[in-house]
Amino acid sequence: MPKKVMKGVVVSRKADKTAVVRVDRTSKHPLFGKTLYSSKKFYAHDEANSVQEGDTVWIMESKPISKLKRWVIVTEAQANQA
């Protein structure tokens, strides 16, 4: 089964080797057709501490790294292979 890959924006870099990534999604209301916007924050592992707040990154699911971290920041090339 392939791993999930999502694109998001880094909103926090306060913890060491961890980035909080906000993933925005859009969907249409089933009856009225209005576009609905929702977002969710994910804790992602960043081994090299290479990203900054405001960067657009790809995250891929992984095995649990800590209590909240289940995602890893990957490059766009790695995201396209998954």
C-alpha atoms as a PDB file:
ATOM      1  CA  MET A   1       0.000   0.000   0.000  1.00  0.00           C
ATOM      2  CA  PRO A   2       1.529   3.366  -0.972  1.00  0.00           C
ATOM      3  CA  LYS A   3       2.247   5.966   1.670  1.00  0.00           C
ATOM      4  CA  LYS A   4       0.159   9.133   1.754  1.00  0.00           C
ATOM      5  CA  VAL A   5       1.834  12.294   0.491  1.00  0.00           C
ATOM      6  CA  MET A   6       0.501  15.802   1.107  1.00  0.00           C
ATOM      7  CA  LYS A   7       1.607  19.339   0.364  1.00  0.00           C
ATOM      8  CA  GLY A   8       1.484  22.014   3.044  1.00  0.00           C
ATOM      9  CA  VAL A   9       2.984  25.158   4.557  1.00  0.00           C
ATOM     10  CA  VAL A  10       5.316  25.220   7.567  1.00  0.00           C
ATOM     11  CA  VAL A  11       3.692  27.253  10.353  1.00  0.00           C
ATOM     12  CA  SER A  12       6.047  26.557  13.276  1.00  0.00           C
ATOM     13  CA  ARG A  13       9.715  25.608  13.767  1.00  0.00           C
ATOM     14  CA  LYS A  14      10.052  25.947  17.541  1.00  0.00           C
ATOM     15  CA  ALA A  15      10.960  22.326  18.348  1.00  0.00           C
ATOM     16  CA  ASP A  16      14.246  20.691  17.333  1.00  0.00           C
ATOM     17  CA  LYS A  17      13.941  18.438  14.233  1.00  0.00           C
ATOM     18  CA  THR A  18      10.186  19.059  14.106  1.00  0.00           C
ATOM     19  CA  ALA A  19       8.046  21.260  11.885  1.00  0.00           C
ATOM     20  CA  VAL A  20       4.328  21.897  12.168  1.00  0.00           C
ATOM     21  CA  VAL A  21       2.824  21.760   8.676  1.00  0.00           C
ATOM     22  CA  ARG A  22      -0.647  23.087   7.812  1.00  0.00           C
ATOM     23  CA  VAL A  23      -2.372  21.185   5.000  1.00  0.00           C
ATOM     24  CA  ASP A  24      -5.299  22.988   3.349  1.00  0.00           C
ATOM     25  CA  ARG A  25      -8.041  21.045   1.602  1.00  0.00           C
ATOM     26  CA  THR A  26     -11.050  22.019  -0.481  1.00  0.00           C
ATOM     27  CA  SER A  27     -14.234  20.086  -1.124  1.00  0.00           C
ATOM     28  CA  LYS A  28     -17.664  20.787  -2.512  1.00  0.00           C
ATOM     29  CA  HIS A  29     -20.797  20.611  -0.418  1.00  0.00           C
ATOM     30  CA  PRO A  30     -22.769  17.576  -1.652  1.00  0.00           C
ATOM     31  CA  LEU A  31     -26.118  19.375  -1.920  1.00  0.00           C
ATOM     32  CA  PHE A  32     -25.422  23.078  -2.393  1.00  0.00           C
ATOM     33  CA  GLY A  33     -22.168  22.863  -4.345  1.00  0.00           C
ATOM     34  CA  LYS A  34     -20.414  25.560  -2.307  1.00  0.00           C
ATOM     35  CA  THR A  35     -16.650  25.182  -1.975  1.00  0.00           C
ATOM     36  CA  LEU A  36     -15.673  24.369   1.611  1.00  0.00           C
ATOM     37  CA  TYR A  37     -12.183  25.046   2.958  1.00  0.00           C
ATOM     38  CA  SER A  38     -10.602  23.107   5.798  1.00  0.00           C
ATOM     39  CA  SER A  39      -7.103  22.780   7.177  1.00  0.00           C
ATOM     40  CA  LYS A  40      -5.285  20.497   9.575  1.00  0.00           C
ATOM     41  CA  LYS A  41      -1.881  20.682  11.249  1.00  0.00           C
ATOM     42  CA  PHE A  42       0.577  17.783  11.172  1.00  0.00           C
ATOM     43  CA  TYR A  43       3.810  17.334  13.111  1.00  0.00           C
ATOM     44  CA  ALA A  44       6.551  16.325  10.668  1.00  0.00           C
ATOM     45  CA  HIS A  45      10.118  15.155  11.254  1.00  0.00           C
ATOM     46  CA  ASP A  46      12.860  17.325   9.740  1.00  0.00           C
ATOM     47  CA  GLU A  47      16.203  15.640  10.426  1.00  0.00           C
ATOM     48  CA  ALA A  48      18.376  18.444   9.018  1.00  0.00           C
ATOM     49  CA  ASN A  49      16.335  21.382  10.384  1.00  0.00           C
ATOM     50  CA  SER A  50      16.358  22.677   6.805  1.00  0.00           C
ATOM     51  CA  VAL A  51      12.913  24.269   6.481  1.00  0.00           C
ATOM     52  CA  GLN A  52      11.755  27.691   7.670  1.00  0.00           C
ATOM     53  CA  GLU A  53       8.342  29.104   8.511  1.00  0.00           C
ATOM     54  CA  GLY A  54       6.384  29.922   5.380  1.00  0.00           C
ATOM     55  CA  ASP A  55       8.083  27.265   3.213  1.00  0.00           C
ATOM     56  CA  THR A  56       5.894  24.983   1.105  1.00  0.00           C
ATOM     57  CA  VAL A  57       6.868  21.359   1.730  1.00  0.00           C
ATOM     58  CA  TRP A  58       5.783  17.799   0.944  1.00  0.00           C
ATOM     59  CA  ILE A  59       5.144  15.423   3.848  1.00  0.00           C
ATOM     60  CA  MET A  60       4.903  11.634   3.685  1.00  0.00           C
ATOM     61  CA  GLU A  61       3.479   9.335   6.323  1.00  0.00           C
ATOM     62  CA  SER A  62       5.914   7.116   8.220  1.00  0.00           C
ATOM     63  CA  LYS A  63       6.088   4.887  11.256  1.00  0.00           C
ATOM     64  CA  PRO A  64       5.549   6.697  14.595  1.00  0.00           C
ATOM     65  CA  ILE A  65       8.611   8.764  15.521  1.00  0.00           C
ATOM     66  CA  SER A  66       7.258  10.215  18.771  1.00  0.00           C
ATOM     67  CA  LYS A  67       3.922  10.737  20.498  1.00  0.00           C
ATOM     68  CA  LEU A  68       2.594  13.120  17.824  1.00  0.00           C
ATOM     69  CA  LYS A  69       4.994  12.767  14.862  1.00  0.00           C
ATOM     70  CA  ARG A  70       3.815  10.359  12.141  1.00  0.00           C
ATOM     71  CA  TRP A  71       5.042  12.324   9.096  1.00  0.00           C
ATOM     72  CA  VAL A  72       8.422  13.061   7.472  1.00  0.00           C
ATOM     73  CA  ILE A  73       9.345  16.045   5.303  1.00  0.00           C
ATOM     74  CA  VAL A  74      10.503  14.865   1.866  1.00  0.00           C
ATOM     75  CA  THR A  75      11.698  16.495  -1.339  1.00  0.00           C
ATOM     76  CA  GLU A  76       9.380  16.922  -4.297  1.00  0.00           C
ATOM     77  CA  ALA A  77      11.221  14.163  -6.190  1.00  0.00           C
ATOM     78  CA  GLN A  78      10.665  11.693  -3.329  1.00  0.00           C
ATOM     79  CA  ALA A  79       7.005  12.717  -3.096  1.00  0.00           C
ATOM     80  CA  ASN A  80       6.463  11.965  -6.786  1.00  0.00           C
ATOM     81  CA  GLN A  81       7.983   8.476  -6.427  1.00  0.00           C
ATOM     82  CA  ALA A  82       5.691   7.467  -3.558  1.00  0.00           C
END
